[in-house]
N, C-alpha and C. Protein backbone atom coordinates (compact mmCIF):
# COMPACT_ATOMS: atom_id res chain seq x y z
N MET A 1 96.25 48.36 -10.57
CA MET A 1 96.38 46.92 -9.77
C MET A 1 96.10 47.52 -8.02
N SER A 2 95.78 46.71 -7.64
CA SER A 2 95.34 47.07 -6.18
C SER A 2 96.51 47.13 -4.97
N ALA A 3 97.37 47.71 -3.72
CA ALA A 3 97.82 47.09 -3.53
C ALA A 3 98.10 45.49 -2.97
N PHE A 4 96.77 45.34 -2.50
CA PHE A 4 96.71 43.63 -2.37
C PHE A 4 97.16 43.07 -3.63
N GLN A 5 96.77 43.60 -4.75
CA GLN A 5 97.07 42.54 -6.07
C GLN A 5 98.78 42.65 -5.92
N ASN A 6 99.66 43.31 -5.74
CA ASN A 6 100.81 43.86 -6.15
C ASN A 6 101.71 43.25 -4.96
N ASN A 7 101.12 42.22 -3.77
CA ASN A 7 102.06 41.32 -3.02
C ASN A 7 102.23 40.64 -4.03
N PHE A 8 101.44 40.07 -4.62
CA PHE A 8 101.64 38.58 -5.20
C PHE A 8 102.54 38.29 -6.56
N GLN A 9 103.08 37.16 -6.76
CA GLN A 9 104.27 37.21 -7.79
C GLN A 9 103.36 36.06 -8.75
N PRO A 10 103.95 35.91 -9.56
CA PRO A 10 103.26 34.49 -10.50
C PRO A 10 104.22 33.35 -10.18
N ASP A 11 103.23 32.40 -10.30
CA ASP A 11 103.92 31.37 -9.62
C ASP A 11 104.44 30.35 -10.98
N PRO A 12 106.00 29.89 -11.09
CA PRO A 12 106.60 29.64 -12.20
C PRO A 12 106.14 28.60 -12.58
N GLU A 13 105.64 28.15 -11.44
CA GLU A 13 104.89 26.31 -12.15
C GLU A 13 103.53 26.24 -12.55
N SER A 14 103.28 27.52 -12.58
CA SER A 14 101.65 27.43 -13.14
C SER A 14 101.58 28.05 -14.47
N ASP A 15 100.21 28.04 -15.09
CA ASP A 15 100.51 28.24 -16.54
C ASP A 15 100.14 29.85 -16.71
N GLY A 16 100.50 30.70 -15.60
CA GLY A 16 99.79 31.98 -15.57
C GLY A 16 98.37 32.33 -14.98
N SER A 17 97.74 30.79 -14.33
CA SER A 17 96.52 31.25 -13.56
C SER A 17 96.93 31.27 -12.34
N ARG A 18 98.24 31.20 -11.56
CA ARG A 18 98.24 31.21 -10.16
C ARG A 18 99.16 32.28 -9.76
N ARG A 19 98.75 32.89 -8.88
CA ARG A 19 100.24 33.79 -8.36
C ARG A 19 100.06 33.82 -6.76
N LEU A 20 101.43 33.74 -6.14
CA LEU A 20 101.51 33.61 -4.90
C LEU A 20 102.28 34.98 -4.03
N TRP A 21 101.98 34.54 -2.51
CA TRP A 21 102.03 35.70 -1.62
C TRP A 21 102.45 34.95 0.16
N ARG A 22 103.54 34.91 0.57
CA ARG A 22 103.63 34.55 1.56
C ARG A 22 103.46 35.94 2.60
N THR A 23 102.60 35.77 3.56
CA THR A 23 102.34 36.82 4.78
C THR A 23 102.16 36.07 5.96
N ALA A 24 101.87 36.96 7.00
CA ALA A 24 101.28 35.91 8.32
C ALA A 24 100.21 35.43 8.63
N LYS A 25 100.30 34.72 8.99
CA LYS A 25 99.12 33.15 8.98
C LYS A 25 98.07 33.80 9.99
N PRO A 26 96.49 34.50 9.40
CA PRO A 26 95.97 34.50 10.38
C PRO A 26 95.00 34.02 11.08
N LEU A 27 95.16 32.40 10.67
CA LEU A 27 94.06 31.51 12.06
C LEU A 27 95.34 30.32 12.37
N LEU A 28 94.62 29.67 13.09
CA LEU A 28 95.62 28.09 13.01
C LEU A 28 97.18 28.62 13.15
N ARG A 29 97.22 29.49 13.88
CA ARG A 29 99.18 29.70 14.09
C ARG A 29 99.82 28.46 14.57
N ASP A 30 99.18 27.89 16.12
CA ASP A 30 100.32 27.00 16.49
C ASP A 30 100.35 25.48 16.46
N ALA A 31 98.83 25.06 15.06
CA ALA A 31 98.68 23.76 15.08
C ALA A 31 99.90 23.28 14.37
N VAL A 32 100.27 21.98 14.56
CA VAL A 32 101.52 21.27 13.74
C VAL A 32 101.18 19.70 13.58
N VAL A 33 101.43 19.16 13.39
CA VAL A 33 101.56 17.67 12.71
C VAL A 33 102.58 17.56 13.62
N ALA A 34 102.28 17.11 14.86
CA ALA A 34 103.30 16.52 16.16
C ALA A 34 103.29 14.90 15.60
N PHE A 35 102.19 14.06 15.29
CA PHE A 35 102.32 12.91 15.14
C PHE A 35 101.31 12.62 14.10
N ALA A 36 102.35 11.25 13.30
CA ALA A 36 101.12 10.66 12.17
C ALA A 36 100.88 9.25 12.33
N PRO A 37 99.59 8.85 12.75
CA PRO A 37 99.37 7.89 13.17
C PRO A 37 99.72 6.75 12.57
N PRO A 38 99.52 6.87 10.86
CA PRO A 38 99.54 5.48 9.91
C PRO A 38 101.18 5.12 9.46
N TYR A 39 101.89 6.07 10.19
CA TYR A 39 103.02 6.21 9.60
C TYR A 39 104.20 6.34 10.88
N PRO A 40 104.71 5.46 11.44
CA PRO A 40 105.39 5.38 12.71
C PRO A 40 106.71 5.70 12.36
N GLU A 41 107.32 5.69 11.23
CA GLU A 41 108.99 6.11 10.74
C GLU A 41 108.83 7.81 10.79
N TYR A 42 107.75 8.63 11.10
CA TYR A 42 107.34 9.52 11.21
C TYR A 42 108.28 10.48 11.95
N PRO A 43 108.51 10.21 13.28
CA PRO A 43 109.18 10.93 14.33
C PRO A 43 110.66 10.69 13.77
N GLU A 44 111.38 10.18 13.27
CA GLU A 44 112.58 10.16 13.06
C GLU A 44 113.21 10.32 11.74
N LEU A 45 111.79 10.88 10.68
CA LEU A 45 112.82 11.52 9.39
C LEU A 45 113.24 12.89 9.81
N GLU A 46 114.05 13.02 8.85
CA GLU A 46 115.14 14.08 8.75
C GLU A 46 114.23 15.59 8.53
N ASP A 47 114.66 16.49 9.61
CA ASP A 47 113.90 17.60 9.20
C ASP A 47 114.57 18.32 7.82
N ASP A 48 113.60 18.83 7.17
CA ASP A 48 113.95 18.97 5.93
C ASP A 48 114.38 20.46 5.73
N ARG A 49 113.75 21.25 7.16
CA ARG A 49 113.93 23.29 7.21
C ARG A 49 114.98 23.59 6.49
N ALA A 50 116.50 22.88 6.18
CA ALA A 50 117.75 23.19 5.98
C ALA A 50 117.40 23.43 4.11
N PHE A 51 116.73 22.89 3.49
CA PHE A 51 116.28 22.92 2.08
C PHE A 51 115.34 24.32 2.17
N GLY A 52 114.70 24.48 3.22
CA GLY A 52 113.83 26.09 2.86
C GLY A 52 112.79 24.84 2.96
N SER A 53 111.57 25.76 3.72
CA SER A 53 110.15 25.17 4.30
C SER A 53 109.39 24.73 3.25
N THR A 54 108.81 23.52 3.32
CA THR A 54 107.81 23.52 2.54
C THR A 54 106.61 23.05 2.57
N ASN A 55 105.74 23.05 1.51
CA ASN A 55 104.29 23.36 1.40
C ASN A 55 103.75 21.68 1.42
N ASP A 56 104.89 20.80 0.72
CA ASP A 56 104.64 19.40 0.72
C ASP A 56 103.80 18.78 1.82
N PRO A 57 102.66 17.88 1.09
CA PRO A 57 102.14 17.22 2.30
C PRO A 57 102.86 16.19 3.25
N SER A 58 104.06 15.99 2.47
CA SER A 58 105.26 14.51 3.30
C SER A 58 106.14 15.21 3.97
N SER A 59 106.20 16.76 4.06
CA SER A 59 107.26 17.38 4.36
C SER A 59 107.78 17.26 6.07
N PRO A 60 108.48 16.73 6.47
CA PRO A 60 108.78 16.42 8.29
C PRO A 60 108.37 17.92 8.34
N SER A 61 108.81 18.69 8.15
CA SER A 61 108.70 20.63 8.81
C SER A 61 107.63 20.61 8.72
N ALA A 62 106.25 19.81 9.03
CA ALA A 62 105.16 20.13 9.61
C ALA A 62 105.02 19.48 11.08
N ARG A 63 106.12 19.13 11.46
CA ARG A 63 106.19 19.01 13.13
C ARG A 63 106.54 20.52 13.60
N GLU A 64 106.52 21.84 13.16
CA GLU A 64 107.34 22.88 13.13
C GLU A 64 105.92 23.81 13.20
N ALA A 65 106.12 24.45 14.31
CA ALA A 65 104.79 25.79 13.50
C ALA A 65 105.53 26.75 13.09
N SER A 66 104.83 27.50 12.31
CA SER A 66 105.06 28.53 11.29
C SER A 66 104.21 29.70 11.41
N SER A 67 104.94 30.95 11.36
CA SER A 67 104.08 31.97 11.48
C SER A 67 103.54 32.67 9.74
N GLU A 68 104.25 32.04 9.29
CA GLU A 68 103.92 32.35 7.93
C GLU A 68 102.63 31.29 6.98
N VAL A 69 102.01 31.81 6.26
CA VAL A 69 101.57 30.88 4.87
C VAL A 69 101.53 31.56 3.58
N GLU A 70 101.61 30.58 3.09
CA GLU A 70 101.44 30.60 1.24
C GLU A 70 99.87 31.16 0.68
N VAL A 71 99.44 32.36 0.55
CA VAL A 71 98.46 32.40 -0.09
C VAL A 71 98.61 32.31 -1.48
N ALA A 72 97.75 32.03 -2.21
CA ALA A 72 97.73 31.55 -3.69
C ALA A 72 96.24 31.81 -4.54
N MET A 73 96.36 32.92 -5.32
CA MET A 73 95.29 33.21 -5.95
C MET A 73 95.26 32.52 -7.65
N TYR A 74 93.90 31.92 -7.50
CA TYR A 74 93.68 31.62 -8.93
C TYR A 74 92.57 32.27 -9.90
N ALA A 75 92.75 32.03 -10.91
CA ALA A 75 92.18 32.35 -12.14
C ALA A 75 91.78 31.46 -12.93
N ASP A 76 90.76 30.79 -12.86
CA ASP A 76 90.80 29.25 -13.69
C ASP A 76 88.95 29.71 -14.24
N SER A 77 88.41 30.28 -13.78
CA SER A 77 86.95 30.59 -14.36
C SER A 77 86.68 32.26 -14.93
N GLY A 78 87.61 32.75 -15.66
CA GLY A 78 87.41 33.75 -16.48
C GLY A 78 87.50 34.58 -15.79
N ASN A 79 87.66 34.90 -14.79
CA ASN A 79 87.19 36.57 -14.16
C ASN A 79 88.53 36.94 -13.32
N GLY A 80 89.78 36.59 -14.17
CA GLY A 80 91.14 37.06 -13.60
C GLY A 80 90.94 37.37 -12.46
N PHE A 81 92.38 38.00 -12.24
CA PHE A 81 92.88 38.57 -10.72
C PHE A 81 92.40 39.65 -10.35
N GLY A 82 91.68 40.02 -9.21
CA GLY A 82 90.56 40.96 -8.82
C GLY A 82 89.92 41.22 -7.70
N SER A 83 88.73 41.55 -7.95
CA SER A 83 88.25 41.84 -6.60
C SER A 83 87.20 40.50 -5.89
N PHE A 84 87.38 39.26 -7.11
CA PHE A 84 86.87 38.34 -6.13
C PHE A 84 87.66 37.60 -5.04
N GLN A 85 89.10 37.48 -5.05
CA GLN A 85 90.25 37.21 -4.46
C GLN A 85 90.48 37.94 -3.03
N GLU A 86 90.30 39.32 -3.60
CA GLU A 86 90.57 40.29 -2.54
C GLU A 86 89.34 40.49 -1.58
N ARG A 87 88.47 40.08 -2.18
CA ARG A 87 87.09 40.66 -0.81
C ARG A 87 87.21 38.99 -0.13
N ALA A 88 87.54 38.06 -0.62
CA ALA A 88 87.37 36.50 0.18
C ALA A 88 88.65 36.87 1.45
N TRP A 89 89.54 37.40 0.82
CA TRP A 89 91.05 37.57 1.96
C TRP A 89 90.47 38.81 2.82
N GLU A 90 89.71 39.97 2.54
CA GLU A 90 89.28 40.93 3.27
C GLU A 90 88.25 40.13 4.50
N PHE A 91 87.66 39.38 3.76
CA PHE A 91 86.56 38.76 4.87
C PHE A 91 87.59 37.65 5.65
N ILE A 92 88.77 36.78 5.57
CA ILE A 92 89.59 36.10 5.95
C ILE A 92 89.69 36.64 7.28
N LEU A 93 90.42 37.97 6.92
CA LEU A 93 91.02 38.36 7.90
C LEU A 93 90.16 39.22 9.13
N ALA A 94 88.98 39.55 8.65
CA ALA A 94 87.90 40.59 9.30
C ALA A 94 87.32 39.33 10.09
N ASN A 95 87.24 38.05 9.79
CA ASN A 95 86.46 37.03 10.33
C ASN A 95 87.28 36.03 10.71
N ALA A 96 88.61 35.56 10.83
CA ALA A 96 89.55 35.05 11.12
C ALA A 96 88.97 34.14 12.61
N VAL A 97 88.27 34.55 13.48
CA VAL A 97 88.27 33.88 14.72
C VAL A 97 86.99 32.83 13.75
N ALA A 98 85.96 33.42 13.43
CA ALA A 98 84.22 32.57 12.78
C ALA A 98 85.32 31.41 11.78
N ILE A 99 85.86 31.68 11.11
CA ILE A 99 86.41 31.08 10.42
C ILE A 99 87.45 29.72 10.64
N GLU A 100 88.06 30.27 11.79
CA GLU A 100 88.92 29.03 12.79
C GLU A 100 87.77 28.01 13.48
N VAL A 101 86.69 28.62 13.67
CA VAL A 101 85.55 27.43 14.50
C VAL A 101 85.00 26.77 13.49
N ALA A 102 84.66 27.48 12.21
CA ALA A 102 84.48 26.65 11.20
C ALA A 102 84.98 25.62 10.63
N LEU A 103 86.72 25.87 10.58
CA LEU A 103 87.82 24.98 10.14
C LEU A 103 87.78 23.95 11.56
N ARG A 104 87.84 24.07 12.43
CA ARG A 104 88.28 22.99 13.65
C ARG A 104 86.84 22.23 13.81
N ARG A 105 85.79 22.22 13.48
CA ARG A 105 84.69 21.84 13.47
C ARG A 105 85.03 20.66 12.48
N LYS A 106 85.13 21.15 10.96
CA LYS A 106 85.38 20.32 9.96
C LYS A 106 86.36 19.77 10.13
N LEU A 107 87.38 19.91 10.18
CA LEU A 107 88.95 19.00 11.31
C LEU A 107 88.58 17.62 11.71
N PHE A 108 87.76 18.20 12.90
CA PHE A 108 87.38 17.07 13.47
C PHE A 108 86.92 16.41 13.24
N ALA A 109 85.29 16.26 12.51
CA ALA A 109 84.75 15.07 11.81
C ALA A 109 85.69 14.60 11.32
N TRP A 110 86.74 15.47 10.28
CA TRP A 110 87.32 14.76 9.16
C TRP A 110 88.71 13.90 10.19
N HIS A 111 88.82 14.25 10.82
CA HIS A 111 89.90 13.57 12.39
C HIS A 111 88.76 12.14 12.80
N THR A 112 87.85 12.35 13.14
CA THR A 112 87.05 11.04 13.78
C THR A 112 86.86 10.25 12.73
N LYS A 113 86.53 10.19 11.54
CA LYS A 113 86.08 9.12 10.63
C LYS A 113 87.45 8.78 10.37
N SER A 114 88.62 9.38 10.03
CA SER A 114 90.32 8.85 9.99
C SER A 114 90.34 7.63 11.01
N LEU A 115 90.47 8.60 12.23
CA LEU A 115 90.45 8.04 13.48
C LEU A 115 89.94 6.20 13.66
N ALA A 116 88.63 6.35 13.30
CA ALA A 116 87.73 5.22 12.85
C ALA A 116 88.06 4.42 12.05
N GLN A 117 88.46 4.44 11.26
CA GLN A 117 88.87 3.86 10.08
C GLN A 117 90.49 3.03 10.21
N PHE A 118 91.27 4.12 10.87
CA PHE A 118 92.36 3.64 11.41
C PHE A 118 92.32 2.04 12.22
N ARG A 119 91.57 2.64 13.44
CA ARG A 119 91.48 1.56 14.41
C ARG A 119 91.00 0.29 13.70
N ASP A 120 89.76 0.31 12.52
CA ASP A 120 89.11 -0.82 12.47
C ASP A 120 89.99 -1.44 10.99
N GLU A 121 91.25 -0.78 10.51
CA GLU A 121 91.61 -1.42 9.30
C GLU A 121 93.09 -1.52 9.70
N ASP A 122 93.86 -0.62 9.94
CA ASP A 122 95.05 -0.24 10.41
C ASP A 122 96.05 -1.21 11.47
N LEU A 123 95.45 -0.83 12.78
CA LEU A 123 95.88 -1.54 13.58
C LEU A 123 95.89 -2.92 14.35
N PRO A 124 94.71 -3.62 14.19
CA PRO A 124 94.74 -4.99 14.72
C PRO A 124 95.69 -5.69 13.84
N ASN A 125 96.33 -5.64 12.85
CA ASN A 125 97.14 -6.65 12.53
C ASN A 125 98.70 -6.33 12.49
N ASP A 126 98.89 -5.49 13.21
CA ASP A 126 99.99 -4.69 13.41
C ASP A 126 100.81 -4.35 13.94
N GLU A 127 101.61 -4.90 14.92
CA GLU A 127 102.19 -4.56 16.22
C GLU A 127 103.27 -3.84 16.24
N SER A 128 103.77 -3.29 15.49
CA SER A 128 104.89 -2.14 15.46
C SER A 128 103.58 -1.04 15.63
N LEU A 129 102.79 -0.86 14.89
CA LEU A 129 101.83 0.40 14.94
C LEU A 129 101.43 -0.13 16.14
N GLN A 130 100.73 -0.79 16.67
CA GLN A 130 100.14 -0.64 17.91
C GLN A 130 100.98 -0.22 19.11
N GLU A 131 101.92 -0.32 18.84
CA GLU A 131 103.13 0.06 19.93
C GLU A 131 103.08 1.83 19.90
N TYR A 132 103.77 2.14 18.21
CA TYR A 132 103.44 3.51 18.27
C TYR A 132 102.23 4.46 18.54
N TRP A 133 100.67 3.85 18.03
CA TRP A 133 99.57 4.08 18.64
C TRP A 133 99.43 4.48 20.38
N LYS A 134 100.27 3.43 20.84
CA LYS A 134 99.83 3.81 22.43
C LYS A 134 100.56 4.94 22.46
N GLY A 135 101.95 4.98 22.34
CA GLY A 135 102.34 6.42 22.22
C GLY A 135 101.78 7.53 22.07
N ILE A 136 101.50 7.73 20.93
CA ILE A 136 100.34 8.74 20.88
C ILE A 136 99.29 9.10 21.64
N GLU A 137 98.75 7.53 21.79
CA GLU A 137 97.39 7.99 22.65
C GLU A 137 97.87 8.55 24.40
N ARG A 138 99.19 8.20 24.95
CA ARG A 138 99.83 8.94 25.85
C ARG A 138 100.05 10.61 25.82
N GLN A 139 99.94 10.88 24.88
CA GLN A 139 100.39 12.27 24.56
C GLN A 139 99.30 13.13 24.13
N VAL A 140 98.56 12.72 23.10
CA VAL A 140 97.05 13.07 22.68
C VAL A 140 96.15 13.00 23.04
N PRO A 141 95.09 13.95 23.21
CA PRO A 141 93.83 13.67 23.72
C PRO A 141 92.91 13.15 22.71
N VAL A 142 93.32 12.18 21.47
CA VAL A 142 92.48 11.84 20.31
C VAL A 142 91.18 11.91 20.20
N GLU A 143 90.51 11.58 21.34
CA GLU A 143 89.32 11.93 21.43
C GLU A 143 88.56 12.92 21.48
N GLU A 144 89.47 14.04 21.84
CA GLU A 144 88.74 15.37 22.02
C GLU A 144 89.01 16.58 20.69
N PRO A 145 88.28 17.43 20.85
CA PRO A 145 88.60 18.17 19.48
C PRO A 145 89.89 18.91 19.22
N SER A 146 90.92 18.80 20.90
CA SER A 146 92.07 19.33 20.50
C SER A 146 92.93 18.48 20.04
N ALA A 147 92.87 17.11 19.93
CA ALA A 147 93.74 16.66 18.83
C ALA A 147 93.93 17.12 17.30
N ILE A 148 92.96 18.17 16.68
CA ILE A 148 93.67 18.35 15.47
C ILE A 148 95.03 19.58 15.78
N ASP A 149 95.29 19.96 17.19
CA ASP A 149 96.33 21.03 17.14
C ASP A 149 97.28 19.95 16.89
N HIS A 150 97.72 18.70 17.23
CA HIS A 150 98.81 17.87 17.02
C HIS A 150 98.88 16.86 16.05
N LEU A 151 97.51 17.29 14.50
CA LEU A 151 97.62 16.30 13.83
C LEU A 151 97.41 17.36 12.03
N PHE A 152 97.13 18.33 12.56
CA PHE A 152 96.93 19.26 11.47
C PHE A 152 97.76 20.82 11.17
N LYS A 153 98.54 20.95 10.26
CA LYS A 153 99.20 22.14 10.29
C LYS A 153 98.71 23.10 8.78
N LEU A 154 98.33 24.28 8.82
CA LEU A 154 97.61 25.22 7.75
C LEU A 154 98.96 25.50 7.00
N VAL A 155 99.07 25.96 5.74
CA VAL A 155 100.25 25.79 4.99
C VAL A 155 100.12 26.71 3.92
N GLY A 156 98.56 26.86 3.27
CA GLY A 156 98.43 27.51 2.49
C GLY A 156 97.04 28.10 2.67
N ILE A 157 96.52 28.95 1.97
CA ILE A 157 95.33 29.61 1.53
C ILE A 157 95.51 29.90 0.29
N GLY A 158 93.91 29.41 -0.45
CA GLY A 158 93.55 29.54 -2.05
C GLY A 158 92.46 30.66 -1.94
N LEU A 159 92.36 31.25 -3.05
CA LEU A 159 91.79 32.52 -3.14
C LEU A 159 90.95 32.10 -4.23
N ALA A 160 90.08 31.87 -5.05
CA ALA A 160 89.39 32.12 -6.11
C ALA A 160 88.90 33.10 -7.02
N ASP A 161 88.66 32.96 -8.39
CA ASP A 161 87.90 34.03 -8.45
C ASP A 161 86.67 33.65 -9.31
N SER A 162 85.92 33.24 -8.41
CA SER A 162 84.96 32.79 -8.56
C SER A 162 83.98 32.34 -7.52
N GLY A 163 82.90 32.31 -6.81
CA GLY A 163 82.21 32.49 -5.27
C GLY A 163 80.55 32.52 -5.35
N LEU A 164 79.94 32.40 -4.91
CA LEU A 164 78.43 32.12 -4.32
C LEU A 164 77.77 33.83 -4.62
N ASP A 165 78.86 34.65 -4.23
CA ASP A 165 78.66 35.87 -4.41
C ASP A 165 79.66 36.92 -5.01
N GLU A 166 79.41 38.26 -4.65
CA GLU A 166 80.95 38.72 -5.11
C GLU A 166 82.04 38.55 -4.53
N THR A 167 82.00 37.47 -2.99
CA THR A 167 83.18 37.22 -2.37
C THR A 167 83.50 35.64 -2.82
N GLY A 168 85.12 35.97 -3.23
CA GLY A 168 85.40 34.57 -4.05
C GLY A 168 85.57 33.44 -3.03
N PHE A 169 85.48 31.97 -3.71
CA PHE A 169 85.91 31.41 -2.67
C PHE A 169 87.43 30.72 -1.94
N SER A 170 87.31 30.36 -1.10
CA SER A 170 88.75 30.18 -0.42
C SER A 170 88.94 28.62 -0.24
N SER A 171 90.33 28.37 0.04
CA SER A 171 90.50 26.85 0.45
C SER A 171 91.52 26.98 1.41
N PHE A 172 91.49 26.40 2.30
CA PHE A 172 92.62 26.35 3.71
C PHE A 172 93.36 24.75 3.29
N GLU A 173 94.79 25.10 3.37
CA GLU A 173 95.60 23.93 2.84
C GLU A 173 96.19 23.13 4.07
N PHE A 174 96.37 22.06 4.65
CA PHE A 174 96.50 21.35 5.55
C PHE A 174 97.65 20.33 5.51
N GLN A 175 98.93 20.10 5.96
CA GLN A 175 99.73 19.27 5.75
C GLN A 175 98.70 18.30 7.68
N THR A 176 98.89 17.06 7.15
CA THR A 176 98.18 16.68 8.10
C THR A 176 98.74 14.71 8.64
N GLY A 177 98.70 14.37 9.82
CA GLY A 177 99.26 13.14 9.86
C GLY A 177 98.48 11.75 9.80
N TRP A 178 97.41 12.34 9.30
CA TRP A 178 96.71 11.24 8.44
C TRP A 178 96.59 10.84 7.43
N ASP A 179 97.18 11.61 6.70
CA ASP A 179 97.58 11.52 5.04
C ASP A 179 98.65 12.42 4.76
N ARG A 180 99.98 11.81 4.85
CA ARG A 180 101.14 12.70 4.39
C ARG A 180 101.09 12.28 2.58
N ASP A 181 100.60 11.73 1.98
CA ASP A 181 100.24 11.53 0.31
C ASP A 181 99.95 12.94 -0.01
N HIS A 182 98.96 12.93 0.22
CA HIS A 182 97.88 14.42 -0.43
C HIS A 182 97.50 15.28 0.89
N GLY A 183 97.47 15.40 1.84
CA GLY A 183 97.05 16.37 2.55
C GLY A 183 95.47 16.67 2.63
N LEU A 184 95.09 17.78 2.98
CA LEU A 184 93.80 18.35 3.17
C LEU A 184 93.63 19.46 2.78
N GLY A 185 92.49 19.77 1.83
CA GLY A 185 91.78 21.26 1.40
C GLY A 185 90.65 21.32 2.20
N VAL A 186 90.48 22.49 2.72
CA VAL A 186 88.78 22.80 3.33
C VAL A 186 88.41 23.96 2.08
N LEU A 187 87.49 23.04 1.09
CA LEU A 187 86.97 24.63 0.86
C LEU A 187 85.55 25.40 1.49
N MET A 188 85.81 26.95 1.27
CA MET A 188 84.66 27.71 2.19
C MET A 188 84.54 28.73 1.27
N HIS A 189 83.52 29.13 1.57
CA HIS A 189 82.81 30.30 1.17
C HIS A 189 82.66 31.29 2.39
N ARG A 190 83.22 32.44 2.68
CA ARG A 190 83.08 33.10 3.93
C ARG A 190 83.23 32.14 4.49
N ASP A 191 82.45 32.03 5.80
CA ASP A 191 82.66 31.66 6.89
C ASP A 191 81.93 29.87 7.19
N ARG A 192 81.67 29.37 5.71
CA ARG A 192 80.91 28.46 5.72
C ARG A 192 81.53 27.07 4.99
N VAL A 193 81.86 26.29 5.62
CA VAL A 193 82.78 24.85 5.25
C VAL A 193 81.60 24.54 4.14
N LEU A 194 82.22 24.17 2.65
CA LEU A 194 81.63 23.60 1.57
C LEU A 194 82.06 22.15 1.69
N ALA A 195 83.09 21.88 1.57
CA ALA A 195 83.50 20.60 1.36
C ALA A 195 85.28 19.90 1.39
N ALA A 196 85.28 18.89 1.46
CA ALA A 196 87.31 18.92 1.72
C ALA A 196 87.52 17.62 1.20
N GLY A 197 88.98 17.81 0.39
CA GLY A 197 89.38 16.97 -0.65
C GLY A 197 90.91 17.09 -0.64
N GLY A 198 91.89 16.45 -1.27
CA GLY A 198 93.36 16.45 -1.08
C GLY A 198 93.54 17.92 -1.50
N MET A 199 95.41 18.02 -0.94
CA MET A 199 95.76 19.65 -0.77
C MET A 199 95.34 20.14 -2.20
N THR A 200 94.91 21.61 -2.09
CA THR A 200 94.37 22.53 -3.61
C THR A 200 93.70 21.79 -4.14
N GLU A 201 92.96 20.41 -4.17
CA GLU A 201 91.84 20.06 -5.00
C GLU A 201 90.67 20.64 -4.99
N MET A 202 90.27 21.14 -4.16
CA MET A 202 88.63 22.00 -4.09
C MET A 202 88.88 23.22 -4.77
N ILE A 203 90.11 23.74 -4.93
CA ILE A 203 90.10 24.80 -5.38
C ILE A 203 90.61 25.47 -6.73
N CYS A 204 91.15 24.17 -7.53
CA CYS A 204 91.83 24.55 -8.56
C CYS A 204 90.33 24.17 -9.73
N GLY A 205 90.85 25.02 -10.53
CA GLY A 205 89.97 24.41 -11.84
C GLY A 205 88.54 25.42 -12.44
N PRO A 206 87.88 25.12 -13.07
CA PRO A 206 87.25 26.59 -13.68
C PRO A 206 85.67 26.11 -12.67
N GLU A 207 85.55 24.87 -12.38
CA GLU A 207 84.05 24.24 -11.71
C GLU A 207 84.13 23.64 -10.23
N VAL A 208 84.24 24.93 -9.37
CA VAL A 208 84.54 24.67 -7.94
C VAL A 208 83.25 24.48 -7.39
N VAL A 209 82.23 25.12 -7.64
CA VAL A 209 81.00 24.68 -7.10
C VAL A 209 80.41 23.07 -7.65
N GLU A 210 80.83 22.85 -8.96
CA GLU A 210 80.17 21.30 -9.16
C GLU A 210 81.21 20.35 -8.71
N GLY A 211 82.51 20.78 -8.25
CA GLY A 211 83.47 20.14 -7.88
C GLY A 211 83.09 19.51 -6.02
N ALA A 212 82.23 20.63 -5.42
CA ALA A 212 81.90 20.61 -4.30
C ALA A 212 80.79 19.36 -3.78
N ARG A 213 79.72 19.89 -4.76
CA ARG A 213 78.39 19.08 -5.01
C ARG A 213 78.65 17.99 -5.47
N VAL A 214 80.02 17.04 -6.01
CA VAL A 214 80.37 15.90 -6.17
C VAL A 214 80.61 15.30 -4.72
N VAL A 215 81.85 16.05 -4.07
CA VAL A 215 81.91 15.70 -2.47
C VAL A 215 80.88 15.47 -1.96
N GLN A 216 80.50 16.58 -1.98
CA GLN A 216 79.19 16.70 -0.94
C GLN A 216 78.18 15.51 -1.20
N ALA A 217 77.83 15.02 -2.53
CA ALA A 217 77.15 13.40 -2.90
C ALA A 217 77.56 13.05 -1.59
N TYR A 218 78.74 12.38 -1.57
CA TYR A 218 78.81 11.20 -0.86
C TYR A 218 79.56 11.53 0.77
N ASP A 219 79.48 12.88 0.93
CA ASP A 219 80.47 13.18 2.10
C ASP A 219 80.14 14.44 2.62
N LEU A 220 79.27 14.53 3.74
CA LEU A 220 78.78 15.93 4.01
C LEU A 220 78.80 15.74 5.57
N ASP A 221 79.37 16.38 6.26
CA ASP A 221 79.63 16.42 7.64
C ASP A 221 78.27 17.51 7.82
N ASP A 222 77.85 17.74 9.34
CA ASP A 222 77.03 18.33 10.08
C ASP A 222 77.62 19.63 10.22
N GLY A 223 76.98 20.56 9.86
CA GLY A 223 77.59 21.87 10.06
C GLY A 223 77.98 22.41 8.64
N ASP A 224 77.96 21.46 7.53
CA ASP A 224 78.39 22.05 6.06
C ASP A 224 77.82 22.49 5.59
N PHE A 225 77.51 23.68 4.71
CA PHE A 225 76.80 24.15 3.70
C PHE A 225 76.23 23.46 2.50
N SER A 226 75.15 23.59 2.38
CA SER A 226 74.78 22.03 1.62
C SER A 226 74.58 23.12 -0.09
N LEU A 227 74.98 22.54 -1.33
CA LEU A 227 75.12 23.08 -2.43
C LEU A 227 74.13 21.93 -3.04
N LEU A 228 73.49 20.76 -2.63
CA LEU A 228 73.00 20.22 -3.20
C LEU A 228 71.51 20.44 -3.32
N SER A 229 70.84 19.80 -4.39
CA SER A 229 69.11 20.24 -4.05
C SER A 229 68.35 19.23 -3.37
N PRO A 230 67.36 20.68 -3.23
CA PRO A 230 66.79 19.56 -1.87
C PRO A 230 66.05 18.21 -2.71
């Protein structure tokens, strides 16, 4: 077993197909969930760091920057724990800048759609929400790409035992102020974004490519790497 593999411990809550490791965050270190537009109670929620930092999408600890991230290896495709995940991690470390650029593009696209839906559906008939939103607008440039630094926090990275070549898929897991129930997971292969869904949703299971294709059929942003047939 390689030194990389030795970093991981079995996840006691899994069936043996998931192993975990906490390490230094390679990108998006300062992004946090400072604001949660659909949740006016968010600023008043009790900080739960006294109970240990949590990756749960609803955790108020999302407000605080963290220097570490939880890395999870998945072995759901029959290839076990080995070279697929290690190559994916090596690629992330060697190409963190390019990966962050791709992630920021995808996060901003997702933010823009969430913002439009929020303004159309949630704001018009809720005066308390309108007041909360005015406060956010005074502090966050909601129409600018920098808005994502106030609405997303990277808390996990998943590495799969399958990929489009010898490098495994990776998934970047975010707490987000737009969805404190499900969070957001962005599936990538190398530095190419494939699809986004709920936290860990895109990386779990043996059918990663098939799951990405299903999402792409109804949600494919400019710049995403299409897996759909021409």
